[in-house]
C-alpha atoms as a PDB file:
ATOM      1  CA  MET A   1       7.665  15.928 -34.720  1.00  0.00           C
ATOM      2  CA  ALA A   2       5.830  17.194 -31.637  1.00  0.00           C
ATOM      3  CA  THR A   3       4.721  20.800 -31.684  1.00  0.00           C
ATOM      4  CA  VAL A   4       5.937  22.940 -28.798  1.00  0.00           C
ATOM      5  CA  HIS A   5       3.723  25.865 -27.793  1.00  0.00           C
ATOM      6  CA  THR A   6       5.172  28.713 -25.754  1.00  0.00           C
ATOM      7  CA  ASP A   7       2.382  31.171 -25.133  1.00  0.00           C
ATOM      8  CA  GLY A   8       4.382  33.525 -22.951  1.00  0.00           C
ATOM      9  CA  ALA A   9       6.427  33.356 -19.782  1.00  0.00           C
ATOM     10  CA  SER A  10       3.340  32.905 -17.599  1.00  0.00           C
ATOM     11  CA  HIS A  11       2.237  29.699 -19.406  1.00  0.00           C
ATOM     12  CA  PRO A  12       3.936  26.288 -19.283  1.00  0.00           C
ATOM     13  CA  THR A  13       5.469  24.701 -22.360  1.00  0.00           C
ATOM     14  CA  LEU A  14       2.920  22.305 -23.819  1.00  0.00           C
ATOM     15  CA  ILE A  15       3.628  19.369 -26.119  1.00  0.00           C
ATOM     16  CA  GLY A  16       0.809  19.313 -28.640  1.00  0.00           C
ATOM     17  CA  SER A  17       1.050  15.624 -29.546  1.00  0.00           C
ATOM     18  CA  VAL A  18       0.874  14.653 -25.874  1.00  0.00           C
ATOM     19  CA  GLN A  19      -2.221  16.797 -25.401  1.00  0.00           C
ATOM     20  CA  ARG A  20      -3.883  15.234 -28.440  1.00  0.00           C
ATOM     21  CA  ALA A  21      -3.020  11.707 -27.278  1.00  0.00           C
ATOM     22  CA  LEU A  22      -4.490  12.402 -23.845  1.00  0.00           C
ATOM     23  CA  ARG A  23      -7.689  13.726 -25.408  1.00  0.00           C
ATOM     24  CA  LEU A  24      -7.961  10.511 -27.427  1.00  0.00           C
ATOM     25  CA  LEU A  25      -7.501   8.425 -24.278  1.00  0.00           C
ATOM     26  CA  GLU A  26     -10.240  10.416 -22.563  1.00  0.00           C
ATOM     27  CA  ALA A  27     -12.512   9.926 -25.568  1.00  0.00           C
ATOM     28  CA  VAL A  28     -11.950   6.151 -25.529  1.00  0.00           C
ATOM     29  CA  GLY A  29     -12.902   6.161 -21.839  1.00  0.00           C
ATOM     30  CA  ASN A  30     -16.279   7.653 -22.727  1.00  0.00           C
ATOM     31  CA  HIS A  31     -17.229   4.492 -24.654  1.00  0.00           C
ATOM     32  CA  SER A  32     -17.549   1.340 -22.562  1.00  0.00           C
ATOM     33  CA  ASP A  33     -17.621  -0.804 -25.702  1.00  0.00           C
ATOM     34  CA  GLY A  34     -14.904   1.107 -27.527  1.00  0.00           C
ATOM     35  CA  ALA A  35     -15.118   3.430 -30.518  1.00  0.00           C
ATOM     36  CA  PRO A  36     -13.678   3.466 -34.066  1.00  0.00           C
ATOM     37  CA  ALA A  37     -10.934   5.855 -35.123  1.00  0.00           C
ATOM     38  CA  LYS A  38     -13.253   8.054 -37.206  1.00  0.00           C
ATOM     39  CA  GLN A  39     -15.589   8.656 -34.289  1.00  0.00           C
ATOM     40  CA  LEU A  40     -12.719   9.376 -31.874  1.00  0.00           C
ATOM     41  CA  ALA A  41     -11.124  11.794 -34.343  1.00  0.00           C
ATOM     42  CA  ARG A  42     -14.422  13.622 -34.755  1.00  0.00           C
ATOM     43  CA  GLU A  43     -15.035  13.844 -30.994  1.00  0.00           C
ATOM     44  CA  VAL A  44     -11.640  15.369 -30.208  1.00  0.00           C
ATOM     45  CA  GLY A  45     -11.478  17.523 -33.334  1.00  0.00           C
ATOM     46  CA  LEU A  46      -8.471  15.900 -34.990  1.00  0.00           C
ATOM     47  CA  PRO A  47      -7.754  15.154 -38.663  1.00  0.00           C
ATOM     48  CA  LEU A  48      -8.237  11.447 -39.245  1.00  0.00           C
ATOM     49  CA  PRO A  49      -4.580  10.783 -40.285  1.00  0.00           C
ATOM     50  CA  THR A  50      -3.363  12.448 -37.074  1.00  0.00           C
ATOM     51  CA  ALA A  51      -5.808  10.433 -34.990  1.00  0.00           C
ATOM     52  CA  TYR A  52      -4.735   7.197 -36.702  1.00  0.00           C
ATOM     53  CA  HIS A  53      -1.070   7.937 -36.005  1.00  0.00           C
ATOM     54  CA  LEU A  54      -1.673   8.650 -32.322  1.00  0.00           C
ATOM     55  CA  LEU A  55      -4.001   5.671 -31.907  1.00  0.00           C
ATOM     56  CA  ARG A  56      -1.398   3.344 -33.434  1.00  0.00           C
ATOM     57  CA  THR A  57       1.246   4.757 -31.079  1.00  0.00           C
ATOM     58  CA  LEU A  58      -0.996   4.360 -28.024  1.00  0.00           C
ATOM     59  CA  THR A  59      -1.800   0.801 -29.102  1.00  0.00           C
ATOM     60  CA  HIS A  60       1.868  -0.037 -29.584  1.00  0.00           C
ATOM     61  CA  GLU A  61       2.637   1.235 -26.063  1.00  0.00           C
ATOM     62  CA  GLY A  62      -0.169  -0.837 -24.569  1.00  0.00           C
ATOM     63  CA  TYR A  63      -2.472   2.024 -23.570  1.00  0.00           C
ATOM     64  CA  LEU A  64      -5.081   0.956 -26.133  1.00  0.00           C
ATOM     65  CA  ARG A  65      -6.172  -2.248 -27.850  1.00  0.00           C
ATOM     66  CA  ARG A  66      -7.960  -2.537 -31.177  1.00  0.00           C
ATOM     67  CA  GLU A  67     -10.740  -5.102 -31.111  1.00  0.00           C
ATOM     68  CA  GLN A  68     -13.085  -5.667 -34.059  1.00  0.00           C
ATOM     69  CA  GLY A  69     -12.422  -2.209 -35.445  1.00  0.00           C
ATOM     70  CA  VAL A  70     -12.845  -0.253 -32.216  1.00  0.00           C
ATOM     71  CA  PHE A  71     -10.324   1.018 -29.688  1.00  0.00           C
ATOM     72  CA  VAL A  72     -10.555   0.134 -25.975  1.00  0.00           C
ATOM     73  CA  TYR A  73      -8.227   0.633 -23.031  1.00  0.00           C
ATOM     74  CA  GLY A  74      -5.170  -1.627 -22.891  1.00  0.00           C
ATOM     75  CA  ASP A  75      -3.310  -3.049 -19.921  1.00  0.00           C
ATOM     76  CA  ALA A  76      -1.063  -0.006 -19.513  1.00  0.00           C
ATOM     77  CA  ALA A  77      -4.057   2.333 -19.144  1.00  0.00           C
ATOM     78  CA  ALA A  78      -5.703  -0.065 -16.706  1.00  0.00           C
ATOM     79  CA  SER A  79      -2.491  -0.096 -14.677  1.00  0.00           C
ATOM     80  CA  LEU A  80      -2.503   3.700 -14.486  1.00  0.00           C
ATOM     81  CA  THR A  81      -6.083   3.639 -13.239  1.00  0.00           C
ATOM     82  CA  ALA A  82      -5.298   0.931 -10.680  1.00  0.00           C
ATOM     83  CA  ASN A  83      -2.289   2.851  -9.380  1.00  0.00           C
ATOM     84  CA  SER A  84      -4.363   5.999  -9.016  1.00  0.00           C
ATOM     85  CA  ASP A  85      -7.068   4.097  -7.141  1.00  0.00           C
ATOM     86  CA  ARG A  86      -4.462   2.493  -4.910  1.00  0.00           C
ATOM     87  CA  GLN A  87      -2.968   5.880  -4.045  1.00  0.00           C
ATOM     88  CA  ARG A  88      -6.402   7.221  -3.118  1.00  0.00           C
ATOM     89  CA  ARG A  89      -7.096   4.218  -0.905  1.00  0.00           C
ATOM     90  CA  ARG A  90      -3.732   4.555   0.798  1.00  0.00           C
ATOM     91  CA  ALA A  91      -4.346   8.235   1.425  1.00  0.00           C
ATOM     92  CA  SER A  92      -7.762   7.429   2.890  1.00  0.00           C
ATOM     93  CA  LEU A  93      -6.254   4.724   5.069  1.00  0.00           C
ATOM     94  CA  ALA A  94      -3.467   7.028   6.272  1.00  0.00           C
ATOM     95  CA  ALA A  95      -6.034   9.668   7.261  1.00  0.00           C
ATOM     96  CA  SER A  96      -8.096   7.083   9.144  1.00  0.00           C
ATOM     97  CA  VAL A  97      -5.029   5.743  10.947  1.00  0.00           C
ATOM     98  CA  GLU A  98      -4.056   9.294  11.887  1.00  0.00           C
ATOM     99  CA  THR A  99      -7.530   9.972  13.284  1.00  0.00           C
ATOM    100  CA  MET A 100      -7.448   6.757  15.319  1.00  0.00           C
ATOM    101  CA  SER A 101      -3.989   7.617  16.616  1.00  0.00           C
ATOM    102  CA  ARG A 102      -5.142  10.993  17.895  1.00  0.00           C
ATOM    103  CA  HIS A 103      -8.208   9.437  19.512  1.00  0.00           C
ATOM    104  CA  LEU A 104      -6.212   6.747  21.330  1.00  0.00           C
ATOM    105  CA  GLY A 105      -3.198   8.918  22.102  1.00  0.00           C
ATOM    106  CA  VAL A 106      -0.684   6.420  20.670  1.00  0.00           C
ATOM    107  CA  PRO A 107       1.095   5.865  17.341  1.00  0.00           C
ATOM    108  CA  VAL A 108      -0.821   3.462  15.075  1.00  0.00           C
ATOM    109  CA  TYR A 109       0.588   1.281  12.280  1.00  0.00           C
ATOM    110  CA  PHE A 110      -0.978  -0.754   9.464  1.00  0.00           C
ATOM    111  CA  ALA A 111       0.957  -3.341   7.446  1.00  0.00           C
ATOM    112  CA  VAL A 112       0.350  -6.226   5.053  1.00  0.00           C
ATOM    113  CA  TYR A 113       2.413  -9.198   3.912  1.00  0.00           C
ATOM    114  CA  ARG A 114       2.509  -9.104   0.128  1.00  0.00           C
ATOM    115  CA  ASP A 115       4.740 -10.868  -2.400  1.00  0.00           C
ATOM    116  CA  GLY A 116       6.918 -12.262   0.356  1.00  0.00           C
ATOM    117  CA  GLU A 117       7.659  -8.927   2.015  1.00  0.00           C
ATOM    118  CA  ILE A 118       6.413  -6.681   4.815  1.00  0.00           C
ATOM    119  CA  ASP A 119       4.681  -3.585   3.456  1.00  0.00           C
ATOM    120  CA  VAL A 120       4.038  -0.897   6.076  1.00  0.00           C
ATOM    121  CA  VAL A 121       1.134   0.856   4.392  1.00  0.00           C
ATOM    122  CA  ALA A 122       0.373   3.571   6.939  1.00  0.00           C
ATOM    123  CA  VAL A 123       2.000   4.977  10.075  1.00  0.00           C
ATOM    124  CA  SER A 124       0.752   7.817  12.238  1.00  0.00           C
ATOM    125  CA  ASP A 125       3.628   9.996  13.343  1.00  0.00           C
ATOM    126  CA  GLY A 126       4.015  13.452  14.783  1.00  0.00           C
ATOM    127  CA  PRO A 127       5.779  15.490  17.462  1.00  0.00           C
ATOM    128  CA  ALA A 128       3.124  14.693  20.059  1.00  0.00           C
ATOM    129  CA  LEU A 129       2.889  10.979  19.213  1.00  0.00           C
ATOM    130  CA  PRO A 130       6.177   9.905  17.633  1.00  0.00           C
ATOM    131  CA  ALA A 131       6.257   6.503  15.966  1.00  0.00           C
ATOM    132  CA  VAL A 132       9.105   4.082  16.568  1.00  0.00           C
ATOM    133  CA  GLU A 133      12.012   5.125  14.354  1.00  0.00           C
ATOM    134  CA  GLU A 134      12.727   2.631  11.569  1.00  0.00           C
ATOM    135  CA  TRP A 135      16.379   2.361  12.421  1.00  0.00           C
ATOM    136  CA  ALA A 136      16.581  -1.169  10.974  1.00  0.00           C
ATOM    137  CA  ASP A 137      14.599  -1.971   7.813  1.00  0.00           C
ATOM    138  CA  PHE A 138      11.166  -3.252   8.843  1.00  0.00           C
ATOM    139  CA  ARG A 139      11.200  -5.687   5.906  1.00  0.00           C
ATOM    140  CA  GLU A 140      14.418  -7.340   7.068  1.00  0.00           C
ATOM    141  CA  THR A 141      13.554  -7.448  10.774  1.00  0.00           C
ATOM    142  CA  ALA A 142      10.039  -8.911  10.824  1.00  0.00           C
ATOM    143  CA  HIS A 143      11.197 -11.377  13.493  1.00  0.00           C
ATOM    144  CA  ALA A 144      11.899  -8.518  15.887  1.00  0.00           C
ATOM    145  CA  HIS A 145       8.861  -6.221  15.795  1.00  0.00           C
ATOM    146  CA  ALA A 146       5.209  -6.843  16.619  1.00  0.00           C
ATOM    147  CA  LEU A 147       4.011  -6.001  13.099  1.00  0.00           C
ATOM    148  CA  GLY A 148       6.293  -8.608  11.585  1.00  0.00           C
ATOM    149  CA  GLN A 149       5.689 -11.245  14.223  1.00  0.00           C
ATOM    150  CA  CYS A 150       1.937 -10.902  13.786  1.00  0.00           C
ATOM    151  CA  LEU A 151       2.236 -11.198  10.005  1.00  0.00           C
ATOM    152  CA  LEU A 152       4.606 -14.169  10.172  1.00  0.00           C
ATOM    153  CA  ALA A 153       2.305 -15.898  12.671  1.00  0.00           C
ATOM    154  CA  GLN A 154      -0.468 -15.723  10.049  1.00  0.00           C
ATOM    155  CA  LEU A 155       1.645 -17.569   7.454  1.00  0.00           C
ATOM    156  CA  ASP A 156       1.952 -21.326   7.208  1.00  0.00           C
ATOM    157  CA  GLU A 157       5.217 -23.032   8.148  1.00  0.00           C
ATOM    158  CA  GLU A 158       6.475 -23.028   4.562  1.00  0.00           C
ATOM    159  CA  GLY A 159       5.800 -19.303   4.254  1.00  0.00           C
ATOM    160  CA  ARG A 160       7.677 -18.545   7.465  1.00  0.00           C
ATOM    161  CA  GLN A 161      10.644 -20.673   6.421  1.00  0.00           C
ATOM    162  CA  ASP A 162      10.736 -18.940   3.042  1.00  0.00           C
ATOM    163  CA  HIS A 163      10.698 -15.491   4.628  1.00  0.00           C
ATOM    164  CA  LEU A 164      13.417 -16.314   7.150  1.00  0.00           C
ATOM    165  CA  SER A 165      15.605 -17.869   4.446  1.00  0.00           C
ATOM    166  CA  ARG A 166      15.688 -14.434   2.812  1.00  0.00           C
ATOM    167  CA  HIS A 167      15.734 -12.385   6.018  1.00  0.00           C
ATOM    168  CA  PRO A 168      17.624 -14.426   8.602  1.00  0.00           C
ATOM    169  CA  VAL A 169      16.928 -14.070  12.311  1.00  0.00           C
ATOM    170  CA  ARG A 170      19.450 -11.851  14.068  1.00  0.00           C
ATOM    171  CA  ALA A 171      19.543 -10.098  17.403  1.00  0.00           C
ATOM    172  CA  ILE A 172      19.229  -6.343  16.955  1.00  0.00           C
ATOM    173  CA  THR A 173      18.723  -5.541  20.647  1.00  0.00           C
ATOM    174  CA  PRO A 174      19.554  -7.562  23.785  1.00  0.00           C
ATOM    175  CA  TYR A 175      15.870  -8.601  23.908  1.00  0.00           C
ATOM    176  CA  THR A 176      15.517  -9.933  20.348  1.00  0.00           C
ATOM    177  CA  ILE A 177      15.060 -13.646  19.782  1.00  0.00           C
ATOM    178  CA  GLY A 178      18.238 -14.423  17.873  1.00  0.00           C
ATOM    179  CA  ASP A 179      17.623 -18.115  17.205  1.00  0.00           C
ATOM    180  CA  GLN A 180      15.435 -19.173  14.286  1.00  0.00           C
ATOM    181  CA  ARG A 181      14.255 -22.387  15.918  1.00  0.00           C
ATOM    182  CA  ALA A 182      13.121 -20.511  19.009  1.00  0.00           C
ATOM    183  CA  LEU A 183      11.357 -17.907  16.865  1.00  0.00           C
ATOM    184  CA  LEU A 184       9.525 -20.544  14.802  1.00  0.00           C
ATOM    185  CA  SER A 185       8.406 -22.288  17.981  1.00  0.00           C
ATOM    186  CA  ARG A 186       7.104 -18.986  19.329  1.00  0.00           C
ATOM    187  CA  LEU A 187       5.253 -18.182  16.114  1.00  0.00           C
ATOM    188  CA  ALA A 188       3.676 -21.633  15.945  1.00  0.00           C
ATOM    189  CA  SER A 189       2.287 -21.249  19.451  1.00  0.00           C
ATOM    190  CA  THR A 190       1.053 -17.673  18.979  1.00  0.00           C
ATOM    191  CA  ASP A 191      -2.624 -17.222  19.830  1.00  0.00           C
ATOM    192  CA  LEU A 192      -3.825 -14.672  17.292  1.00  0.00           C
ATOM    193  CA  ARG A 193      -6.971 -14.097  19.307  1.00  0.00           C
ATOM    194  CA  GLN A 194      -4.697 -12.111  21.614  1.00  0.00           C
ATOM    195  CA  PRO A 195      -2.457  -9.155  20.680  1.00  0.00           C
ATOM    196  CA  VAL A 196       1.093 -10.085  19.698  1.00  0.00           C
ATOM    197  CA  VAL A 197       3.375  -8.199  22.089  1.00  0.00           C
ATOM    198  CA  GLU A 198       7.083  -7.419  21.861  1.00  0.00           C
ATOM    199  CA  GLN A 199       9.025  -5.447  24.409  1.00  0.00           C
ATOM    200  CA  GLN A 200      12.189  -3.724  23.233  1.00  0.00           C
ATOM    201  CA  GLU A 201      12.949  -6.513  20.726  1.00  0.00           C
ATOM    202  CA  TYR A 202      13.119  -4.045  17.847  1.00  0.00           C
ATOM    203  CA  ALA A 203      13.938  -0.746  19.532  1.00  0.00           C
ATOM    204  CA  LEU A 204      15.203  -0.095  23.039  1.00  0.00           C
ATOM    205  CA  GLY A 205      12.733   1.933  25.059  1.00  0.00           C
ATOM    206  CA  ALA A 206       9.693   0.891  22.986  1.00  0.00           C
ATOM    207  CA  VAL A 207       6.986  -1.758  23.427  1.00  0.00           C
ATOM    208  CA  CYS A 208       4.497  -2.743  20.723  1.00  0.00           C
ATOM    209  CA  ALA A 209       1.322  -4.770  20.319  1.00  0.00           C
ATOM    210  CA  ALA A 210      -0.219  -5.996  17.047  1.00  0.00           C
ATOM    211  CA  PHE A 211      -3.238  -8.032  16.034  1.00  0.00           C
ATOM    212  CA  PRO A 212      -4.348  -9.558  12.737  1.00  0.00           C
ATOM    213  CA  VAL A 213      -6.768  -7.821  10.392  1.00  0.00           C
ATOM    214  CA  ALA A 214      -9.097  -9.733   8.091  1.00  0.00           C
ATOM    215  CA  ALA A 215      -8.129  -8.508   4.626  1.00  0.00           C
ATOM    216  CA  GLY A 216      -8.909 -11.007   1.912  1.00  0.00           C
ATOM    217  CA  SER A 217      -6.288 -13.653   1.250  1.00  0.00           C
ATOM    218  CA  CYS A 218      -3.325 -11.584   2.460  1.00  0.00           C
ATOM    219  CA  ALA A 219      -2.000 -11.377   6.003  1.00  0.00           C
ATOM    220  CA  ALA A 220      -2.538  -7.919   7.477  1.00  0.00           C
ATOM    221  CA  THR A 221      -2.022  -6.348  10.872  1.00  0.00           C
ATOM    222  CA  MET A 222      -2.573  -3.204  12.884  1.00  0.00           C
ATOM    223  CA  ALA A 223      -0.328  -2.214  15.775  1.00  0.00           C
ATOM    224  CA  ILE A 224       0.425   0.420  18.379  1.00  0.00           C
ATOM    225  CA  SER A 225       3.607   1.401  20.196  1.00  0.00           C
ATOM    226  CA  LEU A 226       4.401   3.060  23.506  1.00  0.00           C
ATOM    227  CA  PRO A 227       7.492   4.036  25.475  1.00  0.00           C
ATOM    228  CA  SER A 228       8.565   1.098  27.623  1.00  0.00           C
ATOM    229  CA  HIS A 229       7.782   2.971  30.848  1.00  0.00           C
ATOM    230  CA  GLN A 230       4.112   3.004  29.740  1.00  0.00           C
ATOM    231  CA  ALA A 231       3.979  -0.739  29.081  1.00  0.00           C
ATOM    232  CA  SER A 232       0.977  -1.150  31.396  1.00  0.00           C
ATOM    233  CA  ARG A 233      -1.142   0.806  28.869  1.00  0.00           C
ATOM    234  CA  LEU A 234      -0.200  -1.386  25.933  1.00  0.00           C
ATOM    235  CA  LEU A 235      -2.820  -4.145  26.096  1.00  0.00           C
ATOM    236  CA  PRO A 236      -5.793  -1.974  27.141  1.00  0.00           C
ATOM    237  CA  VAL A 237      -5.156   0.477  24.284  1.00  0.00           C
ATOM    238  CA  ALA A 238      -4.589  -2.353  21.787  1.00  0.00           C
ATOM    239  CA  GLU A 239      -7.920  -3.879  22.760  1.00  0.00           C
ATOM    240  CA  GLU A 240      -9.645  -0.512  22.376  1.00  0.00           C
ATOM    241  CA  LEU A 241      -8.186  -0.152  18.894  1.00  0.00           C
ATOM    242  CA  ARG A 242      -9.302  -3.640  17.939  1.00  0.00           C
ATOM    243  CA  GLY A 243     -12.802  -2.835  19.167  1.00  0.00           C
ATOM    244  CA  ARG A 244     -12.956   0.203  16.887  1.00  0.00           C
ATOM    245  CA  LEU A 245     -11.353  -1.510  13.912  1.00  0.00           C
ATOM    246  CA  GLY A 246     -14.560  -2.463  12.080  1.00  0.00           C
ATOM    247  CA  ARG A 247     -15.690   1.138  11.791  1.00  0.00           C
ATOM    248  CA  LEU A 248     -12.217   2.225  10.738  1.00  0.00           C
ATOM    249  CA  LEU A 249     -12.067  -0.230   7.846  1.00  0.00           C
ATOM    250  CA  ASP A 250     -15.659   0.414   6.765  1.00  0.00           C
ATOM    251  CA  SER A 251     -14.915   4.134   6.583  1.00  0.00           C
ATOM    252  CA  PHE A 252     -12.891   3.763   3.397  1.00  0.00           C
ATOM    253  CA  ALA A 253     -14.220   0.545   1.833  1.00  0.00           C
ATOM    254  CA  PHE A 254     -10.966  -1.270   2.550  1.00  0.00           C
ATOM    255  CA  THR A 255      -9.626  -3.797   0.071  1.00  0.00           C
ATOM    256  CA  ILE A 256      -6.360  -5.671   0.209  1.00  0.00           C
ATOM    257  CA  SER A 257      -5.379  -4.139  -3.140  1.00  0.00           C
ATOM    258  CA  ILE A 258      -3.997  -1.305  -1.029  1.00  0.00           C
END
């Protein structure tokens, strides 16, 4: 049974077995080629039977693997590390997008197409530069907004058909293309060397421009939005953002694993 320590009202309740297991995981991480139970027990100051019990539990749960008498990280531990790295990259990306937004004076968006869905990774938003409100799920309305149109335009015909079979085309404003055939024709003729522009197709009173981002094998895009009465600024600002994009991505060693 786990030992519960309560060292006074000012200290949190600590579960001793959890602490010991975490120390063992840290010790395993100090050995690139793994380490045997006796060595791990000695390093963390545990009786060998206790260390064996915790190591067996961690192995059963997938956090460790035993290979040729030594313990190494398992898939579950690797997943924890990957998730932590992904969160750090997303935070770095969000900060970079926010900086670019303030410099350009417009909301900035970054999205990828992953596992058949739109994933809006980062959005700059604030009282001075409010982003377009997601009043209809971005994932279900890719046909209507510039982010989605740019991502769909980067897919092949089969990929577009698959997406639209799960998220059918529908008019959500009077300006939305509500016919799938017309949308597919538009996507097929899209010149991705130019920004993809939509005007009030997703949200009344808002215009948006997006362009593709080279990001490994996945489709990715960056976009800006403006109130419709400032539509004349849309393309010049989008081009300025695209011109600065290389430095933005280099600033946080971008990888599509975001």
